[in-house]
Amino acid sequence: DRAQDLGDLAGAIVRIAPDGSVPADNPT
């Protein structure tokens, strides 16, 4: 069920910058 929890990073692919920050053009 975590794969459908949109606030949970489990069951997902994440995209981050090389310093760990969130890229400004990530989907929203």
mmCIF file of all heavy atoms, coordinates in Angstrom:
data_MODEL
# 
_entry.id   MODEL 
# 
loop_
_atom_site.group_PDB 
_atom_site.id 
_atom_site.type_symbol 
_atom_site.label_atom_id 
_atom_site.label_alt_id 
_atom_site.label_comp_id 
_atom_site.label_asym_id 
_atom_site.label_entity_id 
_atom_site.label_seq_id 
_atom_site.pdbx_PDB_ins_code 
_atom_site.Cartn_x 
_atom_site.Cartn_y 
_atom_site.Cartn_z 
_atom_site.occupancy 
_atom_site.B_iso_or_equiv 
_atom_site.pdbx_formal_charge 
_atom_site.auth_seq_id 
_atom_site.auth_comp_id 
_atom_site.auth_asym_id 
_atom_site.auth_atom_id 
_atom_site.pdbx_PDB_model_num 
ATOM 1   N N   . ASP A 1 1  ? 0.813  -1.217 0.000   1.00 0.00 ? 1  ASP A N   1 
ATOM 2   C CA  . ASP A 1 1  ? 0.000  0.000  0.000   1.00 0.00 ? 1  ASP A CA  1 
ATOM 3   C C   . ASP A 1 1  ? 0.850  1.273  0.000   1.00 0.00 ? 1  ASP A C   1 
ATOM 4   O O   . ASP A 1 1  ? 0.382  2.337  -0.412  1.00 0.00 ? 1  ASP A O   1 
ATOM 5   C CB  . ASP A 1 1  ? -0.939 0.008  1.206   1.00 0.00 ? 1  ASP A CB  1 
ATOM 6   C CG  . ASP A 1 1  ? -2.000 -1.066 1.116   1.00 0.00 ? 1  ASP A CG  1 
ATOM 7   O OD1 . ASP A 1 1  ? -2.312 -1.501 -0.022  1.00 0.00 ? 1  ASP A OD1 1 
ATOM 8   O OD2 . ASP A 1 1  ? -2.515 -1.502 2.165   1.00 0.00 ? 1  ASP A OD2 1 
ATOM 9   N N   . ARG A 1 2  ? 2.103  1.157  0.426   1.00 0.00 ? 2  ARG A N   1 
ATOM 10  C CA  . ARG A 1 2  ? 2.972  2.335  0.439   1.00 0.00 ? 2  ARG A CA  1 
ATOM 11  C C   . ARG A 1 2  ? 3.240  2.845  -0.971  1.00 0.00 ? 2  ARG A C   1 
ATOM 12  O O   . ARG A 1 2  ? 3.542  4.024  -1.166  1.00 0.00 ? 2  ARG A O   1 
ATOM 13  C CB  . ARG A 1 2  ? 4.289  2.019  1.146   1.00 0.00 ? 2  ARG A CB  1 
ATOM 14  C CG  . ARG A 1 2  ? 4.140  1.721  2.625   1.00 0.00 ? 2  ARG A CG  1 
ATOM 15  C CD  . ARG A 1 2  ? 5.485  1.493  3.299   1.00 0.00 ? 2  ARG A CD  1 
ATOM 16  N NE  . ARG A 1 2  ? 6.306  2.708  3.291   1.00 0.00 ? 2  ARG A NE  1 
ATOM 17  C CZ  . ARG A 1 2  ? 7.524  2.781  3.807   1.00 0.00 ? 2  ARG A CZ  1 
ATOM 18  N NH1 . ARG A 1 2  ? 8.073  1.708  4.374   1.00 0.00 ? 2  ARG A NH1 1 
ATOM 19  N NH2 . ARG A 1 2  ? 8.205  3.914  3.772   1.00 0.00 ? 2  ARG A NH2 1 
ATOM 20  N N   . ALA A 1 3  ? 3.152  1.957  -1.959  1.00 0.00 ? 3  ALA A N   1 
ATOM 21  C CA  . ALA A 1 3  ? 3.420  2.371  -3.337  1.00 0.00 ? 3  ALA A CA  1 
ATOM 22  C C   . ALA A 1 3  ? 2.371  3.332  -3.876  1.00 0.00 ? 3  ALA A C   1 
ATOM 23  O O   . ALA A 1 3  ? 2.614  4.015  -4.878  1.00 0.00 ? 3  ALA A O   1 
ATOM 24  C CB  . ALA A 1 3  ? 3.516  1.146  -4.247  1.00 0.00 ? 3  ALA A CB  1 
ATOM 25  N N   . GLN A 1 4  ? 1.196  3.405  -3.227  1.00 0.00 ? 4  GLN A N   1 
ATOM 26  C CA  . GLN A 1 4  ? 0.156  4.341  -3.640  1.00 0.00 ? 4  GLN A CA  1 
ATOM 27  C C   . GLN A 1 4  ? -0.028 5.496  -2.659  1.00 0.00 ? 4  GLN A C   1 
ATOM 28  O O   . GLN A 1 4  ? -0.925 6.325  -2.848  1.00 0.00 ? 4  GLN A O   1 
ATOM 29  C CB  . GLN A 1 4  ? -1.170 3.596  -3.829  1.00 0.00 ? 4  GLN A CB  1 
ATOM 30  C CG  . GLN A 1 4  ? -1.192 2.676  -5.032  1.00 0.00 ? 4  GLN A CG  1 
ATOM 31  C CD  . GLN A 1 4  ? -0.966 3.408  -6.342  1.00 0.00 ? 4  GLN A CD  1 
ATOM 32  O OE1 . GLN A 1 4  ? -1.488 4.497  -6.552  1.00 0.00 ? 4  GLN A OE1 1 
ATOM 33  N NE2 . GLN A 1 4  ? -0.177 2.814  -7.236  1.00 0.00 ? 4  GLN A NE2 1 
ATOM 34  N N   . ASP A 1 5  ? 0.812  5.587  -1.653  1.00 0.00 ? 5  ASP A N   1 
ATOM 35  C CA  . ASP A 1 5  ? 0.796  6.724  -0.725  1.00 0.00 ? 5  ASP A CA  1 
ATOM 36  C C   . ASP A 1 5  ? 1.677  7.816  -1.320  1.00 0.00 ? 5  ASP A C   1 
ATOM 37  O O   . ASP A 1 5  ? 2.904  7.687  -1.361  1.00 0.00 ? 5  ASP A O   1 
ATOM 38  C CB  . ASP A 1 5  ? 1.321  6.286  0.640   1.00 0.00 ? 5  ASP A CB  1 
ATOM 39  C CG  . ASP A 1 5  ? 1.291  7.395  1.678   1.00 0.00 ? 5  ASP A CG  1 
ATOM 40  O OD1 . ASP A 1 5  ? 1.199  8.584  1.297   1.00 0.00 ? 5  ASP A OD1 1 
ATOM 41  O OD2 . ASP A 1 5  ? 1.386  7.084  2.880   1.00 0.00 ? 5  ASP A OD2 1 
ATOM 42  N N   . LEU A 1 6  ? 1.070  8.884  -1.790  1.00 0.00 ? 6  LEU A N   1 
ATOM 43  C CA  . LEU A 1 6  ? 1.797  9.891  -2.567  1.00 0.00 ? 6  LEU A CA  1 
ATOM 44  C C   . LEU A 1 6  ? 2.730  10.755 -1.731  1.00 0.00 ? 6  LEU A C   1 
ATOM 45  O O   . LEU A 1 6  ? 3.558  11.486 -2.285  1.00 0.00 ? 6  LEU A O   1 
ATOM 46  C CB  . LEU A 1 6  ? 0.793  10.775 -3.321  1.00 0.00 ? 6  LEU A CB  1 
ATOM 47  C CG  . LEU A 1 6  ? -0.151 10.023 -4.264  1.00 0.00 ? 6  LEU A CG  1 
ATOM 48  C CD1 . LEU A 1 6  ? -1.065 10.980 -4.990  1.00 0.00 ? 6  LEU A CD1 1 
ATOM 49  C CD2 . LEU A 1 6  ? 0.626  9.163  -5.253  1.00 0.00 ? 6  LEU A CD2 1 
ATOM 50  N N   . GLY A 1 7  ? 2.619  10.657 -0.412  1.00 0.00 ? 7  GLY A N   1 
ATOM 51  C CA  . GLY A 1 7  ? 3.555  11.362 0.452   1.00 0.00 ? 7  GLY A CA  1 
ATOM 52  C C   . GLY A 1 7  ? 4.704  10.487 0.907   1.00 0.00 ? 7  GLY A C   1 
ATOM 53  O O   . GLY A 1 7  ? 5.604  10.954 1.612   1.00 0.00 ? 7  GLY A O   1 
ATOM 54  N N   . ASP A 1 8  ? 4.684  9.223  0.503   1.00 0.00 ? 8  ASP A N   1 
ATOM 55  C CA  . ASP A 1 8  ? 5.676  8.233  0.913   1.00 0.00 ? 8  ASP A CA  1 
ATOM 56  C C   . ASP A 1 8  ? 6.623  7.989  -0.264  1.00 0.00 ? 8  ASP A C   1 
ATOM 57  O O   . ASP A 1 8  ? 6.188  7.838  -1.405  1.00 0.00 ? 8  ASP A O   1 
ATOM 58  C CB  . ASP A 1 8  ? 4.945  6.937  1.300   1.00 0.00 ? 8  ASP A CB  1 
ATOM 59  C CG  . ASP A 1 8  ? 5.823  5.938  2.027   1.00 0.00 ? 8  ASP A CG  1 
ATOM 60  O OD1 . ASP A 1 8  ? 7.057  5.978  1.852   1.00 0.00 ? 8  ASP A OD1 1 
ATOM 61  O OD2 . ASP A 1 8  ? 5.265  5.082  2.749   1.00 0.00 ? 8  ASP A OD2 1 
ATOM 62  N N   . LEU A 1 9  ? 7.919  7.910  0.005   1.00 0.00 ? 9  LEU A N   1 
ATOM 63  C CA  . LEU A 1 9  ? 8.898  7.704  -1.057  1.00 0.00 ? 9  LEU A CA  1 
ATOM 64  C C   . LEU A 1 9  ? 9.122  6.229  -1.381  1.00 0.00 ? 9  LEU A C   1 
ATOM 65  O O   . LEU A 1 9  ? 9.892  5.913  -2.297  1.00 0.00 ? 9  LEU A O   1 
ATOM 66  C CB  . LEU A 1 9  ? 10.229 8.355  -0.680  1.00 0.00 ? 9  LEU A CB  1 
ATOM 67  C CG  . LEU A 1 9  ? 10.163 9.867  -0.420  1.00 0.00 ? 9  LEU A CG  1 
ATOM 68  C CD1 . LEU A 1 9  ? 11.550 10.416 -0.115  1.00 0.00 ? 9  LEU A CD1 1 
ATOM 69  C CD2 . LEU A 1 9  ? 9.527  10.612 -1.585  1.00 0.00 ? 9  LEU A CD2 1 
ATOM 70  N N   . ALA A 1 10 ? 8.459  5.325  -0.664  1.00 0.00 ? 10 ALA A N   1 
ATOM 71  C CA  . ALA A 1 10 ? 8.555  3.899  -0.980  1.00 0.00 ? 10 ALA A CA  1 
ATOM 72  C C   . ALA A 1 10 ? 7.758  3.595  -2.243  1.00 0.00 ? 10 ALA A C   1 
ATOM 73  O O   . ALA A 1 10 ? 6.787  4.271  -2.568  1.00 0.00 ? 10 ALA A O   1 
ATOM 74  C CB  . ALA A 1 10 ? 8.032  3.064  0.183   1.00 0.00 ? 10 ALA A CB  1 
ATOM 75  N N   . GLY A 1 11 ? 8.183  2.544  -2.963  1.00 0.00 ? 11 GLY A N   1 
ATOM 76  C CA  . GLY A 1 11 ? 7.467  2.141  -4.162  1.00 0.00 ? 11 GLY A CA  1 
ATOM 77  C C   . GLY A 1 11 ? 7.492  3.214  -5.234  1.00 0.00 ? 11 GLY A C   1 
ATOM 78  O O   . GLY A 1 11 ? 6.490  3.480  -5.890  1.00 0.00 ? 11 GLY A O   1 
ATOM 79  N N   . ALA A 1 12 ? 8.684  3.824  -5.412  1.00 0.00 ? 12 ALA A N   1 
ATOM 80  C CA  . ALA A 1 12 ? 8.762  5.006  -6.261  1.00 0.00 ? 12 ALA A CA  1 
ATOM 81  C C   . ALA A 1 12 ? 10.127 5.117  -6.921  1.00 0.00 ? 12 ALA A C   1 
ATOM 82  O O   . ALA A 1 12 ? 11.071 4.416  -6.581  1.00 0.00 ? 12 ALA A O   1 
ATOM 83  C CB  . ALA A 1 12 ? 8.510  6.256  -5.413  1.00 0.00 ? 12 ALA A CB  1 
ATOM 84  N N   . ILE A 1 13 ? 10.191 6.033  -7.858  1.00 0.00 ? 13 ILE A N   1 
ATOM 85  C CA  . ILE A 1 13 ? 11.464 6.532  -8.370  1.00 0.00 ? 13 ILE A CA  1 
ATOM 86  C C   . ILE A 1 13 ? 11.534 8.000  -7.986  1.00 0.00 ? 13 ILE A C   1 
ATOM 87  O O   . ILE A 1 13 ? 10.572 8.756  -8.211  1.00 0.00 ? 13 ILE A O   1 
ATOM 88  C CB  . ILE A 1 13 ? 11.575 6.344  -9.884  1.00 0.00 ? 13 ILE A CB  1 
ATOM 89  C CG1 . ILE A 1 13 ? 11.594 4.843  -10.195 1.00 0.00 ? 13 ILE A CG1 1 
ATOM 90  C CG2 . ILE A 1 13 ? 12.829 7.015  -10.439 1.00 0.00 ? 13 ILE A CG2 1 
ATOM 91  C CD1 . ILE A 1 13 ? 11.366 4.515  -11.631 1.00 0.00 ? 13 ILE A CD1 1 
ATOM 92  N N   . VAL A 1 14 ? 12.628 8.378  -7.354  1.00 0.00 ? 14 VAL A N   1 
ATOM 93  C CA  . VAL A 1 14 ? 12.812 9.768  -6.965  1.00 0.00 ? 14 VAL A CA  1 
ATOM 94  C C   . VAL A 1 14 ? 13.890 10.388 -7.854  1.00 0.00 ? 14 VAL A C   1 
ATOM 95  O O   . VAL A 1 14 ? 14.732 9.698  -8.426  1.00 0.00 ? 14 VAL A O   1 
ATOM 96  C CB  . VAL A 1 14 ? 13.187 9.912  -5.480  1.00 0.00 ? 14 VAL A CB  1 
ATOM 97  C CG1 . VAL A 1 14 ? 12.097 9.325  -4.590  1.00 0.00 ? 14 VAL A CG1 1 
ATOM 98  C CG2 . VAL A 1 14 ? 14.528 9.254  -5.179  1.00 0.00 ? 14 VAL A CG2 1 
ATOM 99  N N   . ARG A 1 15 ? 13.847 11.710 -7.952  1.00 0.00 ? 15 ARG A N   1 
ATOM 100 C CA  . ARG A 1 15 ? 14.839 12.463 -8.727  1.00 0.00 ? 15 ARG A CA  1 
ATOM 101 C C   . ARG A 1 15 ? 15.355 13.594 -7.854  1.00 0.00 ? 15 ARG A C   1 
ATOM 102 O O   . ARG A 1 15 ? 14.571 14.425 -7.354  1.00 0.00 ? 15 ARG A O   1 
ATOM 103 C CB  . ARG A 1 15 ? 14.206 13.014 -10.002 1.00 0.00 ? 15 ARG A CB  1 
ATOM 104 C CG  . ARG A 1 15 ? 15.135 13.861 -10.883 1.00 0.00 ? 15 ARG A CG  1 
ATOM 105 C CD  . ARG A 1 15 ? 14.394 14.184 -12.166 1.00 0.00 ? 15 ARG A CD  1 
ATOM 106 N NE  . ARG A 1 15 ? 15.142 15.034 -13.086 1.00 0.00 ? 15 ARG A NE  1 
ATOM 107 C CZ  . ARG A 1 15 ? 14.916 16.345 -13.244 1.00 0.00 ? 15 ARG A CZ  1 
ATOM 108 N NH1 . ARG A 1 15 ? 13.990 16.963 -12.506 1.00 0.00 ? 15 ARG A NH1 1 
ATOM 109 N NH2 . ARG A 1 15 ? 15.612 17.042 -14.125 1.00 0.00 ? 15 ARG A NH2 1 
ATOM 110 N N   . ILE A 1 16 ? 16.663 13.603 -7.643  1.00 0.00 ? 16 ILE A N   1 
ATOM 111 C CA  . ILE A 1 16 ? 17.279 14.608 -6.791  1.00 0.00 ? 16 ILE A CA  1 
ATOM 112 C C   . ILE A 1 16 ? 18.505 15.182 -7.488  1.00 0.00 ? 16 ILE A C   1 
ATOM 113 O O   . ILE A 1 16 ? 19.055 14.582 -8.417  1.00 0.00 ? 16 ILE A O   1 
ATOM 114 C CB  . ILE A 1 16 ? 17.684 14.022 -5.417  1.00 0.00 ? 16 ILE A CB  1 
ATOM 115 C CG1 . ILE A 1 16 ? 18.676 12.866 -5.599  1.00 0.00 ? 16 ILE A CG1 1 
ATOM 116 C CG2 . ILE A 1 16 ? 16.454 13.587 -4.622  1.00 0.00 ? 16 ILE A CG2 1 
ATOM 117 C CD1 . ILE A 1 16 ? 19.265 12.359 -4.308  1.00 0.00 ? 16 ILE A CD1 1 
ATOM 118 N N   . ALA A 1 17 ? 18.940 16.339 -7.021  1.00 0.00 ? 17 ALA A N   1 
ATOM 119 C CA  . ALA A 1 17 ? 20.165 16.952 -7.518  1.00 0.00 ? 17 ALA A CA  1 
ATOM 120 C C   . ALA A 1 17 ? 21.372 16.268 -6.877  1.00 0.00 ? 17 ALA A C   1 
ATOM 121 O O   . ALA A 1 17 ? 21.245 15.564 -5.869  1.00 0.00 ? 17 ALA A O   1 
ATOM 122 C CB  . ALA A 1 17 ? 20.161 18.449 -7.202  1.00 0.00 ? 17 ALA A CB  1 
ATOM 123 N N   . PRO A 1 18 ? 22.571 16.457 -7.430  1.00 0.00 ? 18 PRO A N   1 
ATOM 124 C CA  . PRO A 1 18 ? 23.760 15.800 -6.874  1.00 0.00 ? 18 PRO A CA  1 
ATOM 125 C C   . PRO A 1 18 ? 24.054 16.159 -5.424  1.00 0.00 ? 18 PRO A C   1 
ATOM 126 O O   . PRO A 1 18 ? 24.757 15.406 -4.746  1.00 0.00 ? 18 PRO A O   1 
ATOM 127 C CB  . PRO A 1 18 ? 24.895 16.279 -7.803  1.00 0.00 ? 18 PRO A CB  1 
ATOM 128 C CG  . PRO A 1 18 ? 24.221 16.587 -9.094  1.00 0.00 ? 18 PRO A CG  1 
ATOM 129 C CD  . PRO A 1 18 ? 22.878 17.129 -8.719  1.00 0.00 ? 18 PRO A CD  1 
ATOM 130 N N   . ASP A 1 19 ? 23.515 17.258 -4.924  1.00 0.00 ? 19 ASP A N   1 
ATOM 131 C CA  . ASP A 1 19 ? 23.707 17.603 -3.509  1.00 0.00 ? 19 ASP A CA  1 
ATOM 132 C C   . ASP A 1 19 ? 22.552 17.145 -2.637  1.00 0.00 ? 19 ASP A C   1 
ATOM 133 O O   . ASP A 1 19 ? 22.517 17.423 -1.438  1.00 0.00 ? 19 ASP A O   1 
ATOM 134 C CB  . ASP A 1 19 ? 23.927 19.108 -3.349  1.00 0.00 ? 19 ASP A CB  1 
ATOM 135 C CG  . ASP A 1 19 ? 22.712 19.932 -3.785  1.00 0.00 ? 19 ASP A CG  1 
ATOM 136 O OD1 . ASP A 1 19 ? 21.694 19.349 -4.241  1.00 0.00 ? 19 ASP A OD1 1 
ATOM 137 O OD2 . ASP A 1 19 ? 22.773 21.176 -3.682  1.00 0.00 ? 19 ASP A OD2 1 
ATOM 138 N N   . GLY A 1 20 ? 21.591 16.448 -3.233  1.00 0.00 ? 20 GLY A N   1 
ATOM 139 C CA  . GLY A 1 20 ? 20.450 15.933 -2.486  1.00 0.00 ? 20 GLY A CA  1 
ATOM 140 C C   . GLY A 1 20 ? 19.235 16.836 -2.483  1.00 0.00 ? 20 GLY A C   1 
ATOM 141 O O   . GLY A 1 20 ? 18.179 16.442 -1.979  1.00 0.00 ? 20 GLY A O   1 
ATOM 142 N N   . SER A 1 21 ? 19.345 18.031 -3.032  1.00 0.00 ? 21 SER A N   1 
ATOM 143 C CA  . SER A 1 21 ? 18.199 18.938 -3.080  1.00 0.00 ? 21 SER A CA  1 
ATOM 144 C C   . SER A 1 21 ? 17.219 18.482 -4.165  1.00 0.00 ? 21 SER A C   1 
ATOM 145 O O   . SER A 1 21 ? 17.506 17.579 -4.960  1.00 0.00 ? 21 SER A O   1 
ATOM 146 C CB  . SER A 1 21 ? 18.668 20.366 -3.354  1.00 0.00 ? 21 SER A CB  1 
ATOM 147 O OG  . SER A 1 21 ? 19.326 20.450 -4.611  1.00 0.00 ? 21 SER A OG  1 
ATOM 148 N N   . VAL A 1 22 ? 16.055 19.116 -4.188  1.00 0.00 ? 22 VAL A N   1 
ATOM 149 C CA  . VAL A 1 22 ? 15.012 18.743 -5.150  1.00 0.00 ? 22 VAL A CA  1 
ATOM 150 C C   . VAL A 1 22 ? 15.114 19.640 -6.384  1.00 0.00 ? 22 VAL A C   1 
ATOM 151 O O   . VAL A 1 22 ? 15.057 20.870 -6.260  1.00 0.00 ? 22 VAL A O   1 
ATOM 152 C CB  . VAL A 1 22 ? 13.616 18.880 -4.512  1.00 0.00 ? 22 VAL A CB  1 
ATOM 153 C CG1 . VAL A 1 22 ? 12.528 18.577 -5.545  1.00 0.00 ? 22 VAL A CG1 1 
ATOM 154 C CG2 . VAL A 1 22 ? 13.480 17.940 -3.322  1.00 0.00 ? 22 VAL A CG2 1 
ATOM 155 N N   . PRO A 1 23 ? 15.264 19.071 -7.577  1.00 0.00 ? 23 PRO A N   1 
ATOM 156 C CA  . PRO A 1 23 ? 15.311 19.900 -8.791  1.00 0.00 ? 23 PRO A CA  1 
ATOM 157 C C   . PRO A 1 23 ? 14.017 20.689 -8.971  1.00 0.00 ? 23 PRO A C   1 
ATOM 158 O O   . PRO A 1 23 ? 12.919 20.190 -8.696  1.00 0.00 ? 23 PRO A O   1 
ATOM 159 C CB  . PRO A 1 23 ? 15.495 18.874 -9.914  1.00 0.00 ? 23 PRO A CB  1 
ATOM 160 C CG  . PRO A 1 23 ? 16.106 17.681 -9.244  1.00 0.00 ? 23 PRO A CG  1 
ATOM 161 C CD  . PRO A 1 23 ? 15.503 17.639 -7.874  1.00 0.00 ? 23 PRO A CD  1 
ATOM 162 N N   . ALA A 1 24 ? 14.159 21.906 -9.457  1.00 0.00 ? 24 ALA A N   1 
ATOM 163 C CA  . ALA A 1 24 ? 12.995 22.779 -9.606  1.00 0.00 ? 24 ALA A CA  1 
ATOM 164 C C   . ALA A 1 24 ? 12.000 22.258 -10.629 1.00 0.00 ? 24 ALA A C   1 
ATOM 165 O O   . ALA A 1 24 ? 10.810 22.592 -10.561 1.00 0.00 ? 24 ALA A O   1 
ATOM 166 C CB  . ALA A 1 24 ? 13.461 24.186 -9.995  1.00 0.00 ? 24 ALA A CB  1 
ATOM 167 N N   . ASP A 1 25 ? 12.459 21.431 -11.575 1.00 0.00 ? 25 ASP A N   1 
ATOM 168 C CA  . ASP A 1 25 ? 11.553 20.942 -12.620 1.00 0.00 ? 25 ASP A CA  1 
ATOM 169 C C   . ASP A 1 25 ? 11.024 19.538 -12.350 1.00 0.00 ? 25 ASP A C   1 
ATOM 170 O O   . ASP A 1 25 ? 10.542 18.866 -13.265 1.00 0.00 ? 25 ASP A O   1 
ATOM 171 C CB  . ASP A 1 25 ? 12.235 20.992 -13.988 1.00 0.00 ? 25 ASP A CB  1 
ATOM 172 C CG  . ASP A 1 25 ? 13.512 20.164 -14.054 1.00 0.00 ? 25 ASP A CG  1 
ATOM 173 O OD1 . ASP A 1 25 ? 14.029 19.769 -12.992 1.00 0.00 ? 25 ASP A OD1 1 
ATOM 174 O OD2 . ASP A 1 25 ? 14.002 19.916 -15.183 1.00 0.00 ? 25 ASP A OD2 1 
ATOM 175 N N   . ASN A 1 26 ? 11.094 19.071 -11.097 1.00 0.00 ? 26 ASN A N   1 
ATOM 176 C CA  . ASN A 1 26 ? 10.438 17.805 -10.766 1.00 0.00 ? 26 ASN A CA  1 
ATOM 177 C C   . ASN A 1 26 ? 8.937  17.917 -10.992 1.00 0.00 ? 26 ASN A C   1 
ATOM 178 O O   . ASN A 1 26 ? 8.363  19.017 -10.885 1.00 0.00 ? 26 ASN A O   1 
ATOM 179 C CB  . ASN A 1 26 ? 10.711 17.431 -9.300  1.00 0.00 ? 26 ASN A CB  1 
ATOM 180 C CG  . ASN A 1 26 ? 11.897 16.499 -9.160  1.00 0.00 ? 26 ASN A CG  1 
ATOM 181 O OD1 . ASN A 1 26 ? 12.672 16.304 -10.083 1.00 0.00 ? 26 ASN A OD1 1 
ATOM 182 N ND2 . ASN A 1 26 ? 12.060 15.924 -7.979  1.00 0.00 ? 26 ASN A ND2 1 
ATOM 183 N N   . PRO A 1 27 ? 8.265  16.797 -11.290 1.00 0.00 ? 27 PRO A N   1 
ATOM 184 C CA  . PRO A 1 27 ? 6.807  16.856 -11.458 1.00 0.00 ? 27 PRO A CA  1 
ATOM 185 C C   . PRO A 1 27 ? 6.124  17.241 -10.151 1.00 0.00 ? 27 PRO A C   1 
ATOM 186 O O   . PRO A 1 27 ? 6.622  16.938 -9.063  1.00 0.00 ? 27 PRO A O   1 
ATOM 187 C CB  . PRO A 1 27 ? 6.453  15.432 -11.880 1.00 0.00 ? 27 PRO A CB  1 
ATOM 188 C CG  . PRO A 1 27 ? 7.570  14.582 -11.363 1.00 0.00 ? 27 PRO A CG  1 
ATOM 189 C CD  . PRO A 1 27 ? 8.798  15.441 -11.445 1.00 0.00 ? 27 PRO A CD  1 
ATOM 190 N N   . THR A 1 28 ? 4.969  17.906 -10.267 1.00 0.00 ? 28 THR A N   1 
ATOM 191 C CA  . THR A 1 28 ? 4.293  18.397 -9.057  1.00 0.00 ? 28 THR A CA  1 
ATOM 192 C C   . THR A 1 28 ? 2.801  18.079 -9.047  1.00 0.00 ? 28 THR A C   1 
ATOM 193 O O   . THR A 1 28 ? 1.973  18.967 -8.824  1.00 0.00 ? 28 THR A O   1 
ATOM 194 C CB  . THR A 1 28 ? 4.495  19.915 -8.917  1.00 0.00 ? 28 THR A CB  1 
ATOM 195 O OG1 . THR A 1 28 ? 4.021  20.559 -10.128 1.00 0.00 ? 28 THR A OG1 1 
ATOM 196 C CG2 . THR A 1 28 ? 5.948  20.274 -8.684  1.00 0.00 ? 28 THR A CG2 1 
# 
